[in-house]
Every structure is written in C-alpha cells, then in structure tokens.
PDB file of all heavy atoms in Angstrom:
ATOM      1  N   GLU A   1       0.833  -1.203   0.000  1.00  0.00           N
ATOM      2  CA  GLU A   1       0.000   0.000   0.000  1.00  0.00           C
ATOM      3  C   GLU A   1       0.864   1.247   0.000  1.00  0.00           C
ATOM      4  O   GLU A   1       0.422   2.318  -0.384  1.00  0.00           O
ATOM      5  CB  GLU A   1      -0.971   0.001   1.185  1.00  0.00           C
ATOM      6  CG  GLU A   1      -0.364   0.255   2.538  1.00  0.00           C
ATOM      7  CD  GLU A   1       0.212  -0.984   3.221  1.00  0.00           C
ATOM      8  OE1 GLU A   1       0.242  -2.068   2.623  1.00  0.00           O
ATOM      9  OE2 GLU A   1       0.639  -0.842   4.361  1.00  0.00           O
ATOM     10  N   THR A   2       2.141   1.081   0.413  1.00  0.00           N
ATOM     11  CA  THR A   2       3.033   2.237   0.439  1.00  0.00           C
ATOM     12  C   THR A   2       3.257   2.806  -0.959  1.00  0.00           C
ATOM     13  O   THR A   2       3.536   3.990  -1.095  1.00  0.00           O
ATOM     14  CB  THR A   2       4.390   1.884   1.086  1.00  0.00           C
ATOM     15  OG1 THR A   2       4.937   0.761   0.413  1.00  0.00           O
ATOM     16  CG2 THR A   2       4.235   1.591   2.558  1.00  0.00           C
ATOM     17  N   SER A   3       3.123   1.970  -1.992  1.00  0.00           N
ATOM     18  CA  SER A   3       3.282   2.491  -3.358  1.00  0.00           C
ATOM     19  C   SER A   3       2.169   3.491  -3.668  1.00  0.00           C
ATOM     20  O   SER A   3       2.412   4.506  -4.318  1.00  0.00           O
ATOM     21  CB  SER A   3       3.290   1.355  -4.377  1.00  0.00           C
ATOM     22  OG  SER A   3       2.044   0.676  -4.382  1.00  0.00           O
ATOM     23  N   LEU A   4       0.965   3.230  -3.189  1.00  0.00           N
ATOM     24  CA  LEU A   4      -0.143   4.171  -3.379  1.00  0.00           C
ATOM     25  C   LEU A   4       0.070   5.418  -2.527  1.00  0.00           C
ATOM     26  O   LEU A   4      -0.135   6.534  -2.986  1.00  0.00           O
ATOM     27  CB  LEU A   4      -1.478   3.509  -3.015  1.00  0.00           C
ATOM     28  CG  LEU A   4      -1.896   2.310  -3.861  1.00  0.00           C
ATOM     29  CD1 LEU A   4      -3.187   1.708  -3.331  1.00  0.00           C
ATOM     30  CD2 LEU A   4      -2.036   2.675  -5.320  1.00  0.00           C
ATOM     31  N   GLU A   5       0.491   5.197  -1.308  1.00  0.00           N
ATOM     32  CA  GLU A   5       0.738   6.316  -0.404  1.00  0.00           C
ATOM     33  C   GLU A   5       1.855   7.210  -0.943  1.00  0.00           C
ATOM     34  O   GLU A   5       1.752   8.432  -0.913  1.00  0.00           O
ATOM     35  CB  GLU A   5       1.123   5.774   0.978  1.00  0.00           C
ATOM     36  CG  GLU A   5       1.014   6.768   2.084  1.00  0.00           C
ATOM     37  CD  GLU A   5       1.104   6.100   3.454  1.00  0.00           C
ATOM     38  OE1 GLU A   5       1.652   4.998   3.569  1.00  0.00           O
ATOM     39  OE2 GLU A   5       0.618   6.721   4.405  1.00  0.00           O
ATOM     40  N   LYS A   6       2.892   6.592  -1.478  1.00  0.00           N
ATOM     41  CA  LYS A   6       4.022   7.343  -2.045  1.00  0.00           C
ATOM     42  C   LYS A   6       3.558   8.181  -3.237  1.00  0.00           C
ATOM     43  O   LYS A   6       3.929   9.345  -3.370  1.00  0.00           O
ATOM     44  CB  LYS A   6       5.123   6.368  -2.468  1.00  0.00           C
ATOM     45  CG  LYS A   6       6.363   7.033  -2.986  1.00  0.00           C
ATOM     46  CD  LYS A   6       7.408   5.988  -3.371  1.00  0.00           C
ATOM     47  CE  LYS A   6       8.623   6.664  -3.964  1.00  0.00           C
ATOM     48  NZ  LYS A   6       9.606   5.713  -4.453  1.00  0.00           N
ATOM     49  N   LEU A   7       2.737   7.576  -4.088  1.00  0.00           N
ATOM     50  CA  LEU A   7       2.214   8.292  -5.255  1.00  0.00           C
ATOM     51  C   LEU A   7       1.447   9.535  -4.815  1.00  0.00           C
ATOM     52  O   LEU A   7       1.623  10.611  -5.390  1.00  0.00           O
ATOM     53  CB  LEU A   7       1.294   7.369  -6.067  1.00  0.00           C
ATOM     54  CG  LEU A   7       0.612   7.969  -7.285  1.00  0.00           C
ATOM     55  CD1 LEU A   7       1.640   8.359  -8.343  1.00  0.00           C
ATOM     56  CD2 LEU A   7      -0.397   6.988  -7.866  1.00  0.00           C
ATOM     57  N   ILE A   8       0.631   9.411  -3.796  1.00  0.00           N
ATOM     58  CA  ILE A   8      -0.140  10.546  -3.289  1.00  0.00           C
ATOM     59  C   ILE A   8       0.787  11.609  -2.707  1.00  0.00           C
ATOM     60  O   ILE A   8       0.682  12.794  -3.041  1.00  0.00           O
ATOM     61  CB  ILE A   8      -1.156  10.088  -2.215  1.00  0.00           C
ATOM     62  CG1 ILE A   8      -2.157   9.079  -2.780  1.00  0.00           C
ATOM     63  CG2 ILE A   8      -1.865  11.282  -1.580  1.00  0.00           C
ATOM     64  CD1 ILE A   8      -3.166   9.611  -3.739  1.00  0.00           C
ATOM     65  N   LYS A   9       1.695  11.193  -1.846  1.00  0.00           N
ATOM     66  CA  LYS A   9       2.574  12.148  -1.148  1.00  0.00           C
ATOM     67  C   LYS A   9       3.480  12.923  -2.092  1.00  0.00           C
ATOM     68  O   LYS A   9       3.829  14.064  -1.826  1.00  0.00           O
ATOM     69  CB  LYS A   9       3.418  11.427  -0.096  1.00  0.00           C
ATOM     70  CG  LYS A   9       2.636  11.074   1.136  1.00  0.00           C
ATOM     71  CD  LYS A   9       3.511  10.439   2.186  1.00  0.00           C
ATOM     72  CE  LYS A   9       2.698  10.127   3.430  1.00  0.00           C
ATOM     73  NZ  LYS A   9       3.505   9.502   4.476  1.00  0.00           N
ATOM     74  N   GLU A  10       3.901  12.297  -3.179  1.00  0.00           N
ATOM     75  CA  GLU A  10       4.835  12.937  -4.114  1.00  0.00           C
ATOM     76  C   GLU A  10       4.141  13.839  -5.122  1.00  0.00           C
ATOM     77  O   GLU A  10       4.785  14.385  -6.010  1.00  0.00           O
ATOM     78  CB  GLU A  10       5.662  11.875  -4.840  1.00  0.00           C
ATOM     79  CG  GLU A  10       6.628  11.144  -3.923  1.00  0.00           C
ATOM     80  CD  GLU A  10       7.395  10.039  -4.635  1.00  0.00           C
ATOM     81  OE1 GLU A  10       7.045   9.685  -5.787  1.00  0.00           O
ATOM     82  OE2 GLU A  10       8.349   9.525  -4.023  1.00  0.00           O
ATOM     83  N   SER A  11       2.843  14.019  -4.990  1.00  0.00           N
ATOM     84  CA  SER A  11       2.082  14.830  -5.947  1.00  0.00           C
ATOM     85  C   SER A  11       1.632  16.140  -5.305  1.00  0.00           C
ATOM     86  O   SER A  11       1.571  16.265  -4.091  1.00  0.00           O
ATOM     87  CB  SER A  11       0.857  14.055  -6.423  1.00  0.00           C
ATOM     88  OG  SER A  11       1.254  12.853  -7.042  1.00  0.00           O
ATOM     89  N   SER A  12       1.305  17.090  -6.174  1.00  0.00           N
ATOM     90  CA  SER A  12       0.806  18.381  -5.685  1.00  0.00           C
ATOM     91  C   SER A  12      -0.542  18.176  -4.997  1.00  0.00           C
ATOM     92  O   SER A  12      -1.224  17.177  -5.232  1.00  0.00           O
ATOM     93  CB  SER A  12       0.651  19.350  -6.852  1.00  0.00           C
ATOM     94  OG  SER A  12      -0.403  18.922  -7.705  1.00  0.00           O
ATOM     95  N   LYS A  13      -0.947  19.115  -4.170  1.00  0.00           N
ATOM     96  CA  LYS A  13      -2.218  19.034  -3.447  1.00  0.00           C
ATOM     97  C   LYS A  13      -3.398  18.832  -4.401  1.00  0.00           C
ATOM     98  O   LYS A  13      -4.281  18.026  -4.143  1.00  0.00           O
ATOM     99  CB  LYS A  13      -2.451  20.307  -2.617  1.00  0.00           C
ATOM    100  CG  LYS A  13      -1.602  20.401  -1.395  1.00  0.00           C
ATOM    101  CD  LYS A  13      -2.145  19.517  -0.324  1.00  0.00           C
ATOM    102  CE  LYS A  13      -1.344  19.711   0.958  1.00  0.00           C
ATOM    103  NZ  LYS A  13      -1.595  18.680   1.925  1.00  0.00           N
ATOM    104  N   GLU A  14      -3.387  19.595  -5.488  1.00  0.00           N
ATOM    105  CA  GLU A  14      -4.481  19.494  -6.455  1.00  0.00           C
ATOM    106  C   GLU A  14      -4.521  18.109  -7.094  1.00  0.00           C
ATOM    107  O   GLU A  14      -5.581  17.489  -7.196  1.00  0.00           O
ATOM    108  CB  GLU A  14      -4.315  20.569  -7.537  1.00  0.00           C
ATOM    109  CG  GLU A  14      -5.484  20.653  -8.480  1.00  0.00           C
ATOM    110  CD  GLU A  14      -5.331  21.784  -9.475  1.00  0.00           C
ATOM    111  OE1 GLU A  14      -4.237  21.930 -10.066  1.00  0.00           O
ATOM    112  OE2 GLU A  14      -6.306  22.508  -9.665  1.00  0.00           O
ATOM    113  N   LYS A  15      -3.372  17.606  -7.466  1.00  0.00           N
ATOM    114  CA  LYS A  15      -3.293  16.304  -8.120  1.00  0.00           C
ATOM    115  C   LYS A  15      -3.617  15.164  -7.154  1.00  0.00           C
ATOM    116  O   LYS A  15      -4.159  14.134  -7.570  1.00  0.00           O
ATOM    117  CB  LYS A  15      -1.896  16.116  -8.725  1.00  0.00           C
ATOM    118  CG  LYS A  15      -1.776  14.878  -9.582  1.00  0.00           C
ATOM    119  CD  LYS A  15      -0.413  14.776 -10.237  1.00  0.00           C
ATOM    120  CE  LYS A  15      -0.296  13.484 -11.038  1.00  0.00           C
ATOM    121  NZ  LYS A  15       1.037  13.315 -11.610  1.00  0.00           N
ATOM    122  N   GLN A  16      -3.314  15.339  -5.881  1.00  0.00           N
ATOM    123  CA  GLN A  16      -3.580  14.298  -4.888  1.00  0.00           C
ATOM    124  C   GLN A  16      -5.049  13.877  -4.885  1.00  0.00           C
ATOM    125  O   GLN A  16      -5.359  12.695  -4.847  1.00  0.00           O
ATOM    126  CB  GLN A  16      -3.186  14.776  -3.483  1.00  0.00           C
ATOM    127  CG  GLN A  16      -1.714  14.792  -3.242  1.00  0.00           C
ATOM    128  CD  GLN A  16      -1.357  15.293  -1.848  1.00  0.00           C
ATOM    129  OE1 GLN A  16      -2.232  15.631  -1.041  1.00  0.00           O
ATOM    130  NE2 GLN A  16      -0.075  15.341  -1.563  1.00  0.00           N
ATOM    131  N   GLN A  17      -5.944  14.851  -4.926  1.00  0.00           N
ATOM    132  CA  GLN A  17      -7.368  14.531  -4.883  1.00  0.00           C
ATOM    133  C   GLN A  17      -7.793  13.754  -6.126  1.00  0.00           C
ATOM    134  O   GLN A  17      -8.596  12.835  -6.040  1.00  0.00           O
ATOM    135  CB  GLN A  17      -8.212  15.798  -4.726  1.00  0.00           C
ATOM    136  CG  GLN A  17      -9.669  15.526  -4.446  1.00  0.00           C
ATOM    137  CD  GLN A  17      -9.880  14.608  -3.242  1.00  0.00           C
ATOM    138  OE1 GLN A  17      -9.213  14.695  -2.220  1.00  0.00           O
ATOM    139  NE2 GLN A  17     -10.824  13.691  -3.375  1.00  0.00           N
ATOM    140  N   TRP A  18      -7.255  14.106  -7.260  1.00  0.00           N
ATOM    141  CA  TRP A  18      -7.592  13.401  -8.499  1.00  0.00           C
ATOM    142  C   TRP A  18      -7.034  11.975  -8.482  1.00  0.00           C
ATOM    143  O   TRP A  18      -7.697  11.044  -8.931  1.00  0.00           O
ATOM    144  CB  TRP A  18      -7.068  14.169  -9.709  1.00  0.00           C
ATOM    145  CG  TRP A  18      -7.645  15.548  -9.845  1.00  0.00           C
ATOM    146  CD1 TRP A  18      -8.874  15.975  -9.438  1.00  0.00           C
ATOM    147  CD2 TRP A  18      -7.001  16.685 -10.424  1.00  0.00           C
ATOM    148  NE1 TRP A  18      -9.040  17.305  -9.738  1.00  0.00           N
ATOM    149  CE2 TRP A  18      -7.903  17.782 -10.350  1.00  0.00           C
ATOM    150  CE3 TRP A  18      -5.759  16.897 -11.006  1.00  0.00           C
ATOM    151  CZ2 TRP A  18      -7.604  19.037 -10.833  1.00  0.00           C
ATOM    152  CZ3 TRP A  18      -5.458  18.158 -11.486  1.00  0.00           C
ATOM    153  CH2 TRP A  18      -6.370  19.209 -11.391  1.00  0.00           C
ATOM    154  N   LEU A  19      -5.814  11.823  -7.979  1.00  0.00           N
ATOM    155  CA  LEU A  19      -5.230  10.482  -7.849  1.00  0.00           C
ATOM    156  C   LEU A  19      -6.089   9.629  -6.913  1.00  0.00           C
ATOM    157  O   LEU A  19      -6.382   8.473  -7.215  1.00  0.00           O
ATOM    158  CB  LEU A  19      -3.790  10.562  -7.317  1.00  0.00           C
ATOM    159  CG  LEU A  19      -2.741  11.108  -8.271  1.00  0.00           C
ATOM    160  CD1 LEU A  19      -1.445  11.406  -7.527  1.00  0.00           C
ATOM    161  CD2 LEU A  19      -2.487  10.138  -9.416  1.00  0.00           C
ATOM    162  N   ARG A  20      -6.476  10.227  -5.788  1.00  0.00           N
ATOM    163  CA  ARG A  20      -7.335   9.514  -4.828  1.00  0.00           C
ATOM    164  C   ARG A  20      -8.635   9.072  -5.511  1.00  0.00           C
ATOM    165  O   ARG A  20      -9.124   7.968  -5.282  1.00  0.00           O
ATOM    166  CB  ARG A  20      -7.684  10.408  -3.638  1.00  0.00           C
ATOM    167  CG  ARG A  20      -6.649  10.477  -2.591  1.00  0.00           C
ATOM    168  CD  ARG A  20      -7.167  11.213  -1.348  1.00  0.00           C
ATOM    169  NE  ARG A  20      -6.143  11.270  -0.347  1.00  0.00           N
ATOM    170  CZ  ARG A  20      -5.317  12.297  -0.161  1.00  0.00           C
ATOM    171  NH1 ARG A  20      -5.432  13.383  -0.909  1.00  0.00           N
ATOM    172  NH2 ARG A  20      -4.396  12.253   0.768  1.00  0.00           N
ATOM    173  N   GLU A  21      -9.183   9.949  -6.340  1.00  0.00           N
ATOM    174  CA  GLU A  21     -10.428   9.634  -7.040  1.00  0.00           C
ATOM    175  C   GLU A  21     -10.258   8.402  -7.932  1.00  0.00           C
ATOM    176  O   GLU A  21     -11.103   7.503  -7.935  1.00  0.00           O
ATOM    177  CB  GLU A  21     -10.862  10.843  -7.875  1.00  0.00           C
ATOM    178  CG  GLU A  21     -12.227  10.726  -8.491  1.00  0.00           C
ATOM    179  CD  GLU A  21     -12.625  11.969  -9.272  1.00  0.00           C
ATOM    180  OE1 GLU A  21     -12.180  13.087  -8.930  1.00  0.00           O
ATOM    181  OE2 GLU A  21     -13.395  11.808 -10.242  1.00  0.00           O
ATOM    182  N   GLY A  22      -9.166   8.372  -8.690  1.00  0.00           N
ATOM    183  CA  GLY A  22      -8.913   7.219  -9.557  1.00  0.00           C
ATOM    184  C   GLY A  22      -8.674   5.944  -8.768  1.00  0.00           C
ATOM    185  O   GLY A  22      -9.218   4.879  -9.096  1.00  0.00           O
ATOM    186  N   ILE A  23      -7.881   6.036  -7.711  1.00  0.00           N
ATOM    187  CA  ILE A  23      -7.592   4.864  -6.870  1.00  0.00           C
ATOM    188  C   ILE A  23      -8.877   4.394  -6.195  1.00  0.00           C
ATOM    189  O   ILE A  23      -9.165   3.193  -6.149  1.00  0.00           O
ATOM    190  CB  ILE A  23      -6.505   5.208  -5.821  1.00  0.00           C
ATOM    191  CG1 ILE A  23      -5.165   5.470  -6.524  1.00  0.00           C
ATOM    192  CG2 ILE A  23      -6.368   4.087  -4.800  1.00  0.00           C
ATOM    193  CD1 ILE A  23      -4.093   6.092  -5.629  1.00  0.00           C
ATOM    194  N   PHE A  24      -9.647   5.339  -5.673  1.00  0.00           N
ATOM    195  CA  PHE A  24     -10.903   5.007  -5.003  1.00  0.00           C
ATOM    196  C   PHE A  24     -11.823   4.200  -5.917  1.00  0.00           C
ATOM    197  O   PHE A  24     -12.394   3.191  -5.494  1.00  0.00           O
ATOM    198  CB  PHE A  24     -11.620   6.289  -4.550  1.00  0.00           C
ATOM    199  CG  PHE A  24     -12.981   6.035  -3.974  1.00  0.00           C
ATOM    200  CD1 PHE A  24     -13.129   5.648  -2.657  1.00  0.00           C
ATOM    201  CD2 PHE A  24     -14.121   6.173  -4.761  1.00  0.00           C
ATOM    202  CE1 PHE A  24     -14.383   5.401  -2.127  1.00  0.00           C
ATOM    203  CE2 PHE A  24     -15.376   5.923  -4.243  1.00  0.00           C
ATOM    204  CZ  PHE A  24     -15.506   5.541  -2.922  1.00  0.00           C
TER     205      PHE A  24
END
C-alpha cells in the first residue's frame, strides 16, 4: 500500500485529490 501512499505524497495538493479519485 506504500506504493499508493508514495504516489499521493509525491504529488501536488491538487493532483492528490484526483489520484485519490482514480484509486478510489
């Protein structure tokens, strides 16, 4: 799960929400 967490953390705030949306 750290690969998903890493992807989120390494992204801008705006992009984080969109990444979360796709993962969700």
